[in-house]
Amino acid sequence: MKYVIERCCLDDVLTKYGKTRSDIEQITGINRRQISRYAKGRSTMQFETAVTIAAAIDPECDPRELYVWMTVPLSKG
């Protein structure tokens, strides 16, 4: 079994922790357009970026919260 990203939850996580995209831009220096691409699912964050954004949101935020994950079986062969 492996995990694959189903969709980005960035905006939901920001709301949960009381932050905005602008807050993340100011804290991380990541361009607002790029943050928007992540939130809309047009681009997938590298792991380092997800960790950076999660830490900017809240020290208790787990980077895995930024996406909805689904499991798929490994193909045999």
PDB file of N, CA and C in Angstrom:
ATOM      1  N   MET A   1       0.849  -1.166   0.000  1.00  0.00           N
ATOM      2  CA  MET A   1       0.000   0.000   0.000  1.00  0.00           C
ATOM      3  C   MET A   1       0.894   1.227   0.000  1.00  0.00           C
ATOM      4  N   LYS A   2       0.433   2.263  -0.677  1.00  0.00           N
ATOM      5  CA  LYS A   2       1.140   3.528  -0.631  1.00  0.00           C
ATOM      6  C   LYS A   2       0.129   4.654  -0.487  1.00  0.00           C
ATOM      7  N   TYR A   3       0.623   5.806  -0.060  1.00  0.00           N
ATOM      8  CA  TYR A   3      -0.218   6.984   0.117  1.00  0.00           C
ATOM      9  C   TYR A   3      -0.043   7.918  -1.061  1.00  0.00           C
ATOM     10  N   VAL A   4      -1.157   8.462  -1.532  1.00  0.00           N
ATOM     11  CA  VAL A   4      -1.127   9.466  -2.590  1.00  0.00           C
ATOM     12  C   VAL A   4      -2.014  10.635  -2.165  1.00  0.00           C
ATOM     13  N   ILE A   5      -1.667  11.799  -2.665  1.00  0.00           N
ATOM     14  CA  ILE A   5      -2.423  13.005  -2.325  1.00  0.00           C
ATOM     15  C   ILE A   5      -3.739  13.010  -3.082  1.00  0.00           C
ATOM     16  N   GLU A   6      -4.815  13.268  -2.331  1.00  0.00           N
ATOM     17  CA  GLU A   6      -6.126  13.405  -2.959  1.00  0.00           C
ATOM     18  C   GLU A   6      -6.417  14.878  -3.253  1.00  0.00           C
ATOM     19  N   ARG A   7      -6.190  15.745  -2.245  1.00  0.00           N
ATOM     20  CA  ARG A   7      -6.383  17.179  -2.459  1.00  0.00           C
ATOM     21  C   ARG A   7      -5.684  17.962  -1.351  1.00  0.00           C
ATOM     22  N   CYS A   8      -5.452  19.240  -1.614  1.00  0.00           N
ATOM     23  CA  CYS A   8      -4.817  20.123  -0.643  1.00  0.00           C
ATOM     24  C   CYS A   8      -5.868  20.691   0.307  1.00  0.00           C
ATOM     25  N   CYS A   9      -5.509  20.776   1.574  1.00  0.00           N
ATOM     26  CA  CYS A   9      -6.401  21.317   2.608  1.00  0.00           C
ATOM     27  C   CYS A   9      -5.840  22.600   3.219  1.00  0.00           C
ATOM     28  N   LEU A  10      -4.942  23.266   2.511  1.00  0.00           N
ATOM     29  CA  LEU A  10      -4.256  24.416   3.085  1.00  0.00           C
ATOM     30  C   LEU A  10      -5.220  25.457   3.641  1.00  0.00           C
ATOM     31  N   ASP A  11      -6.228  25.834   2.871  1.00  0.00           N
ATOM     32  CA  ASP A  11      -7.156  26.861   3.356  1.00  0.00           C
ATOM     33  C   ASP A  11      -7.915  26.399   4.600  1.00  0.00           C
ATOM     34  N   ASP A  12      -8.303  25.138   4.643  1.00  0.00           N
ATOM     35  CA  ASP A  12      -8.990  24.605   5.828  1.00  0.00           C
ATOM     36  C   ASP A  12      -8.085  24.651   7.055  1.00  0.00           C
ATOM     37  N   VAL A  13      -6.818  24.285   6.865  1.00  0.00           N
ATOM     38  CA  VAL A  13      -5.860  24.296   7.977  1.00  0.00           C
ATOM     39  C   VAL A  13      -5.588  25.722   8.439  1.00  0.00           C
ATOM     40  N   LEU A  14      -5.471  26.641   7.490  1.00  0.00           N
ATOM     41  CA  LEU A  14      -5.270  28.048   7.857  1.00  0.00           C
ATOM     42  C   LEU A  14      -6.434  28.552   8.709  1.00  0.00           C
ATOM     43  N   THR A  15      -7.653  28.217   8.298  1.00  0.00           N
ATOM     44  CA  THR A  15      -8.843  28.622   9.067  1.00  0.00           C
ATOM     45  C   THR A  15      -8.821  27.996  10.457  1.00  0.00           C
ATOM     46  N   LYS A  16      -8.500  26.730  10.529  1.00  0.00           N
ATOM     47  CA  LYS A  16      -8.454  26.018  11.815  1.00  0.00           C
ATOM     48  C   LYS A  16      -7.517  26.707  12.803  1.00  0.00           C
ATOM     49  N   TYR A  17      -6.372  27.187  12.298  1.00  0.00           N
ATOM     50  CA  TYR A  17      -5.374  27.801  13.166  1.00  0.00           C
ATOM     51  C   TYR A  17      -5.442  29.328  13.187  1.00  0.00           C
ATOM     52  N   GLY A  18      -6.429  29.904  12.510  1.00  0.00           N
ATOM     53  CA  GLY A  18      -6.606  31.353  12.536  1.00  0.00           C
ATOM     54  C   GLY A  18      -5.542  32.128  11.772  1.00  0.00           C
ATOM     55  N   LYS A  19      -5.059  31.564  10.685  1.00  0.00           N
ATOM     56  CA  LYS A  19      -4.041  32.220   9.856  1.00  0.00           C
ATOM     57  C   LYS A  19      -4.597  32.480   8.463  1.00  0.00           C
ATOM     58  N   THR A  20      -3.884  33.315   7.707  1.00  0.00           N
ATOM     59  CA  THR A  20      -4.264  33.611   6.333  1.00  0.00           C
ATOM     60  C   THR A  20      -3.107  33.288   5.397  1.00  0.00           C
ATOM     61  N   ARG A  21      -3.403  33.287   4.113  1.00  0.00           N
ATOM     62  CA  ARG A  21      -2.343  33.097   3.128  1.00  0.00           C
ATOM     63  C   ARG A  21      -1.301  34.209   3.245  1.00  0.00           C
ATOM     64  N   SER A  22      -1.777  35.421   3.511  1.00  0.00           N
ATOM     65  CA  SER A  22      -0.853  36.554   3.677  1.00  0.00           C
ATOM     66  C   SER A  22       0.079  36.342   4.865  1.00  0.00           C
ATOM     67  N   ASP A  23      -0.453  35.787   5.955  1.00  0.00           N
ATOM     68  CA  ASP A  23       0.398  35.479   7.114  1.00  0.00           C
ATOM     69  C   ASP A  23       1.522  34.535   6.710  1.00  0.00           C
ATOM     70  N   ILE A  24       1.165  33.502   5.941  1.00  0.00           N
ATOM     71  CA  ILE A  24       2.162  32.509   5.534  1.00  0.00           C
ATOM     72  C   ILE A  24       3.197  33.138   4.614  1.00  0.00           C
ATOM     73  N   GLU A  25       2.749  34.006   3.729  1.00  0.00           N
ATOM     74  CA  GLU A  25       3.681  34.698   2.843  1.00  0.00           C
ATOM     75  C   GLU A  25       4.681  35.527   3.660  1.00  0.00           C
ATOM     76  N   GLN A  26       4.184  36.259   4.633  1.00  0.00           N
ATOM     77  CA  GLN A  26       5.062  37.109   5.453  1.00  0.00           C
ATOM     78  C   GLN A  26       6.034  36.282   6.291  1.00  0.00           C
ATOM     79  N   ILE A  27       5.566  35.181   6.845  1.00  0.00           N
ATOM     80  CA  ILE A  27       6.402  34.363   7.731  1.00  0.00           C
ATOM     81  C   ILE A  27       7.444  33.573   6.944  1.00  0.00           C
ATOM     82  N   THR A  28       7.037  33.019   5.787  1.00  0.00           N
ATOM     83  CA  THR A  28       7.922  32.111   5.053  1.00  0.00           C
ATOM     84  C   THR A  28       8.653  32.754   3.881  1.00  0.00           C
ATOM     85  N   GLY A  29       8.111  33.842   3.361  1.00  0.00           N
ATOM     86  CA  GLY A  29       8.681  34.446   2.163  1.00  0.00           C
ATOM     87  C   GLY A  29       8.238  33.757   0.883  1.00  0.00           C
ATOM     88  N   ILE A  30       7.331  32.789   0.999  1.00  0.00           N
ATOM     89  CA  ILE A  30       6.799  32.108  -0.187  1.00  0.00           C
ATOM     90  C   ILE A  30       5.794  33.044  -0.849  1.00  0.00           C
ATOM     91  N   ASN A  31       5.946  33.243  -2.141  1.00  0.00           N
ATOM     92  CA  ASN A  31       5.098  34.139  -2.910  1.00  0.00           C
ATOM     93  C   ASN A  31       3.621  33.768  -2.784  1.00  0.00           C
ATOM     94  N   ARG A  32       2.769  34.773  -2.657  1.00  0.00           N
ATOM     95  CA  ARG A  32       1.331  34.552  -2.491  1.00  0.00           C
ATOM     96  C   ARG A  32       0.737  33.772  -3.659  1.00  0.00           C
ATOM     97  N   ARG A  33       1.227  34.005  -4.863  1.00  0.00           N
ATOM     98  CA  ARG A  33       0.722  33.247  -6.021  1.00  0.00           C
ATOM     99  C   ARG A  33       1.036  31.766  -5.888  1.00  0.00           C
ATOM    100  N   GLN A  34       2.245  31.468  -5.388  1.00  0.00           N
ATOM    101  CA  GLN A  34       2.615  30.060  -5.202  1.00  0.00           C
ATOM    102  C   GLN A  34       1.757  29.424  -4.115  1.00  0.00           C
ATOM    103  N   ILE A  35       1.511  30.147  -3.044  1.00  0.00           N
ATOM    104  CA  ILE A  35       0.636  29.643  -1.976  1.00  0.00           C
ATOM    105  C   ILE A  35      -0.746  29.357  -2.537  1.00  0.00           C
ATOM    106  N   SER A  36      -1.245  30.246  -3.389  1.00  0.00           N
ATOM    107  CA  SER A  36      -2.545  30.044  -4.023  1.00  0.00           C
ATOM    108  C   SER A  36      -2.542  28.797  -4.901  1.00  0.00           C
ATOM    109  N   ARG A  37      -1.459  28.569  -5.645  1.00  0.00           N
ATOM    110  CA  ARG A  37      -1.363  27.361  -6.478  1.00  0.00           C
ATOM    111  C   ARG A  37      -1.418  26.101  -5.622  1.00  0.00           C
ATOM    112  N   TYR A  38      -0.743  26.129  -4.475  1.00  0.00           N
ATOM    113  CA  TYR A  38      -0.816  24.981  -3.569  1.00  0.00           C
ATOM    114  C   TYR A  38      -2.254  24.779  -3.091  1.00  0.00           C
ATOM    115  N   ALA A  39      -2.875  25.861  -2.622  1.00  0.00           N
ATOM    116  CA  ALA A  39      -4.222  25.768  -2.042  1.00  0.00           C
ATOM    117  C   ALA A  39      -5.250  25.279  -3.061  1.00  0.00           C
ATOM    118  N   LYS A  40      -5.081  25.666  -4.313  1.00  0.00           N
ATOM    119  CA  LYS A  40      -6.031  25.283  -5.359  1.00  0.00           C
ATOM    120  C   LYS A  40      -5.692  23.944  -6.005  1.00  0.00           C
ATOM    121  N   GLY A  41      -4.605  23.313  -5.564  1.00  0.00           N
ATOM    122  CA  GLY A  41      -4.235  22.013  -6.102  1.00  0.00           C
ATOM    123  C   GLY A  41      -3.564  22.076  -7.457  1.00  0.00           C
ATOM    124  N   ARG A  42      -3.119  23.242  -7.854  1.00  0.00           N
ATOM    125  CA  ARG A  42      -2.448  23.381  -9.146  1.00  0.00           C
ATOM    126  C   ARG A  42      -0.970  23.032  -9.069  1.00  0.00           C
ATOM    127  N   SER A  43      -0.463  22.970  -7.856  1.00  0.00           N
ATOM    128  CA  SER A  43       0.932  22.622  -7.613  1.00  0.00           C
ATOM    129  C   SER A  43       0.989  21.851  -6.300  1.00  0.00           C
ATOM    130  N   THR A  44       1.904  20.894  -6.213  1.00  0.00           N
ATOM    131  CA  THR A  44       2.078  20.101  -4.998  1.00  0.00           C
ATOM    132  C   THR A  44       3.345  20.554  -4.285  1.00  0.00           C
ATOM    133  N   MET A  45       3.230  20.750  -2.981  1.00  0.00           N
ATOM    134  CA  MET A  45       4.382  21.185  -2.183  1.00  0.00           C
ATOM    135  C   MET A  45       5.418  20.077  -2.079  1.00  0.00           C
ATOM    136  N   GLN A  46       6.680  20.457  -2.170  1.00  0.00           N
ATOM    137  CA  GLN A  46       7.738  19.534  -1.802  1.00  0.00           C
ATOM    138  C   GLN A  46       7.654  19.361  -0.292  1.00  0.00           C
ATOM    139  N   PHE A  47       8.205  18.261   0.211  1.00  0.00           N
ATOM    140  CA  PHE A  47       8.103  17.992   1.644  1.00  0.00           C
ATOM    141  C   PHE A  47       8.675  19.136   2.474  1.00  0.00           C
ATOM    142  N   GLU A  48       9.817  19.688   2.065  1.00  0.00           N
ATOM    143  CA  GLU A  48      10.439  20.784   2.808  1.00  0.00           C
ATOM    144  C   GLU A  48       9.517  22.001   2.879  1.00  0.00           C
ATOM    145  N   THR A  49       8.807  22.268   1.788  1.00  0.00           N
ATOM    146  CA  THR A  49       7.869  23.387   1.759  1.00  0.00           C
ATOM    147  C   THR A  49       6.692  23.119   2.685  1.00  0.00           C
ATOM    148  N   ALA A  50       6.172  21.897   2.666  1.00  0.00           N
ATOM    149  CA  ALA A  50       5.052  21.550   3.544  1.00  0.00           C
ATOM    150  C   ALA A  50       5.447  21.700   5.014  1.00  0.00           C
ATOM    151  N   VAL A  51       6.657  21.285   5.365  1.00  0.00           N
ATOM    152  CA  VAL A  51       7.130  21.420   6.742  1.00  0.00           C
ATOM    153  C   VAL A  51       7.267  22.898   7.098  1.00  0.00           C
ATOM    154  N   THR A  52       7.800  23.690   6.189  1.00  0.00           N
ATOM    155  CA  THR A  52       7.962  25.130   6.422  1.00  0.00           C
ATOM    156  C   THR A  52       6.619  25.803   6.623  1.00  0.00           C
ATOM    157  N   ILE A  53       5.660  25.490   5.766  1.00  0.00           N
ATOM    158  CA  ILE A  53       4.334  26.104   5.878  1.00  0.00           C
ATOM    159  C   ILE A  53       3.633  25.641   7.149  1.00  0.00           C
ATOM    160  N   ALA A  54       3.708  24.364   7.457  1.00  0.00           N
ATOM    161  CA  ALA A  54       3.074  23.854   8.680  1.00  0.00           C
ATOM    162  C   ALA A  54       3.654  24.535   9.914  1.00  0.00           C
ATOM    163  N   ALA A  55       4.967  24.690   9.960  1.00  0.00           N
ATOM    164  CA  ALA A  55       5.600  25.349  11.108  1.00  0.00           C
ATOM    165  C   ALA A  55       5.186  26.811  11.190  1.00  0.00           C
ATOM    166  N   ALA A  56       4.994  27.458  10.042  1.00  0.00           N
ATOM    167  CA  ALA A  56       4.553  28.855  10.038  1.00  0.00           C
ATOM    168  C   ALA A  56       3.109  28.986  10.509  1.00  0.00           C
ATOM    169  N   ILE A  57       2.314  27.976  10.241  1.00  0.00           N
ATOM    170  CA  ILE A  57       0.912  27.997  10.678  1.00  0.00           C
ATOM    171  C   ILE A  57       0.838  27.870  12.192  1.00  0.00           C
ATOM    172  N   ASP A  58       1.520  26.857  12.734  1.00  0.00           N
ATOM    173  CA  ASP A  58       1.500  26.624  14.176  1.00  0.00           C
ATOM    174  C   ASP A  58       2.516  25.538  14.501  1.00  0.00           C
ATOM    175  N   PRO A  59       3.224  25.652  15.618  1.00  0.00           N
ATOM    176  CA  PRO A  59       4.184  24.602  15.975  1.00  0.00           C
ATOM    177  C   PRO A  59       3.555  23.219  16.109  1.00  0.00           C
ATOM    178  N   GLU A  60       2.273  23.160  16.401  1.00  0.00           N
ATOM    179  CA  GLU A  60       1.580  21.878  16.559  1.00  0.00           C
ATOM    180  C   GLU A  60       1.016  21.339  15.242  1.00  0.00           C
ATOM    181  N   CYS A  61       1.122  22.108  14.165  1.00  0.00           N
ATOM    182  CA  CYS A  61       0.562  21.683  12.872  1.00  0.00           C
ATOM    183  C   CYS A  61       1.465  20.638  12.239  1.00  0.00           C
ATOM    184  N   ASP A  62       0.901  19.500  11.921  1.00  0.00           N
ATOM    185  CA  ASP A  62       1.621  18.416  11.250  1.00  0.00           C
ATOM    186  C   ASP A  62       1.536  18.650   9.736  1.00  0.00           C
ATOM    187  N   PRO A  63       2.648  18.586   9.018  1.00  0.00           N
ATOM    188  CA  PRO A  63       2.602  18.799   7.569  1.00  0.00           C
ATOM    189  C   PRO A  63       1.614  17.891   6.834  1.00  0.00           C
ATOM    190  N   ARG A  64       1.338  16.719   7.399  1.00  0.00           N
ATOM    191  CA  ARG A  64       0.376  15.812   6.757  1.00  0.00           C
ATOM    192  C   ARG A  64      -1.033  16.375   6.767  1.00  0.00           C
ATOM    193  N   GLU A  65      -1.293  17.343   7.669  1.00  0.00           N
ATOM    194  CA  GLU A  65      -2.616  17.978   7.712  1.00  0.00           C
ATOM    195  C   GLU A  65      -2.902  18.801   6.460  1.00  0.00           C
ATOM    196  N   LEU A  66      -1.875  19.167   5.722  1.00  0.00           N
ATOM    197  CA  LEU A  66      -2.044  20.056   4.582  1.00  0.00           C
ATOM    198  C   LEU A  66      -2.677  19.376   3.374  1.00  0.00           C
ATOM    199  N   TYR A  67      -2.792  18.054   3.416  1.00  0.00           N
ATOM    200  CA  TYR A  67      -3.392  17.299   2.316  1.00  0.00           C
ATOM    201  C   TYR A  67      -4.337  16.237   2.842  1.00  0.00           C
ATOM    202  N   VAL A  68      -5.313  15.881   2.016  1.00  0.00           N
ATOM    203  CA  VAL A  68      -6.124  14.693   2.245  1.00  0.00           C
ATOM    204  C   VAL A  68      -5.388  13.579   1.513  1.00  0.00           C
ATOM    205  N   TRP A  69      -5.171  12.496   2.226  1.00  0.00           N
ATOM    206  CA  TRP A  69      -4.412  11.373   1.684  1.00  0.00           C
ATOM    207  C   TRP A  69      -5.326  10.176   1.438  1.00  0.00           C
ATOM    208  N   MET A  70      -5.010   9.410   0.414  1.00  0.00           N
ATOM    209  CA  MET A  70      -5.728   8.153   0.200  1.00  0.00           C
ATOM    210  C   MET A  70      -4.669   7.061   0.005  1.00  0.00           C
ATOM    211  N   THR A  71      -5.080   5.854   0.299  1.00  0.00           N
ATOM    212  CA  THR A  71      -4.177   4.720   0.130  1.00  0.00           C
ATOM    213  C   THR A  71      -4.541   3.972  -1.133  1.00  0.00           C
ATOM    214  N   VAL A  72      -3.525   3.482  -1.786  1.00  0.00           N
ATOM    215  CA  VAL A  72      -3.740   2.659  -2.981  1.00  0.00           C
ATOM    216  C   VAL A  72      -2.875   1.417  -2.834  1.00  0.00           C
ATOM    217  N   PRO A  73      -3.373   0.292  -3.280  1.00  0.00           N
ATOM    218  CA  PRO A  73      -2.566  -0.930  -3.183  1.00  0.00           C
ATOM    219  C   PRO A  73      -1.397  -0.870  -4.147  1.00  0.00           C
ATOM    220  N   LEU A  74      -0.326  -1.517  -3.765  1.00  0.00           N
ATOM    221  CA  LEU A  74       0.818  -1.638  -4.656  1.00  0.00           C
ATOM    222  C   LEU A  74       0.494  -2.639  -5.738  1.00  0.00           C
ATOM    223  N   SER A  75       0.874  -2.326  -6.955  1.00  0.00           N
ATOM    224  CA  SER A  75       0.638  -3.288  -8.032  1.00  0.00           C
ATOM    225  C   SER A  75       1.707  -4.378  -7.975  1.00  0.00           C
ATOM    226  N   LYS A  76       1.269  -5.574  -8.175  1.00  0.00           N
ATOM    227  CA  LYS A  76       2.198  -6.710  -8.149  1.00  0.00           C
ATOM    228  C   LYS A  76       2.667  -6.978  -9.575  1.00  0.00           C
ATOM    229  N   GLY A  77       3.935  -7.258  -9.681  1.00  0.00           N
ATOM    230  CA  GLY A  77       4.383  -7.576 -11.020  1.00  0.00           C
ATOM    231  C   GLY A  77       5.779  -7.328 -11.294  1.00  0.00           C
TER     232      GLY A  77
END
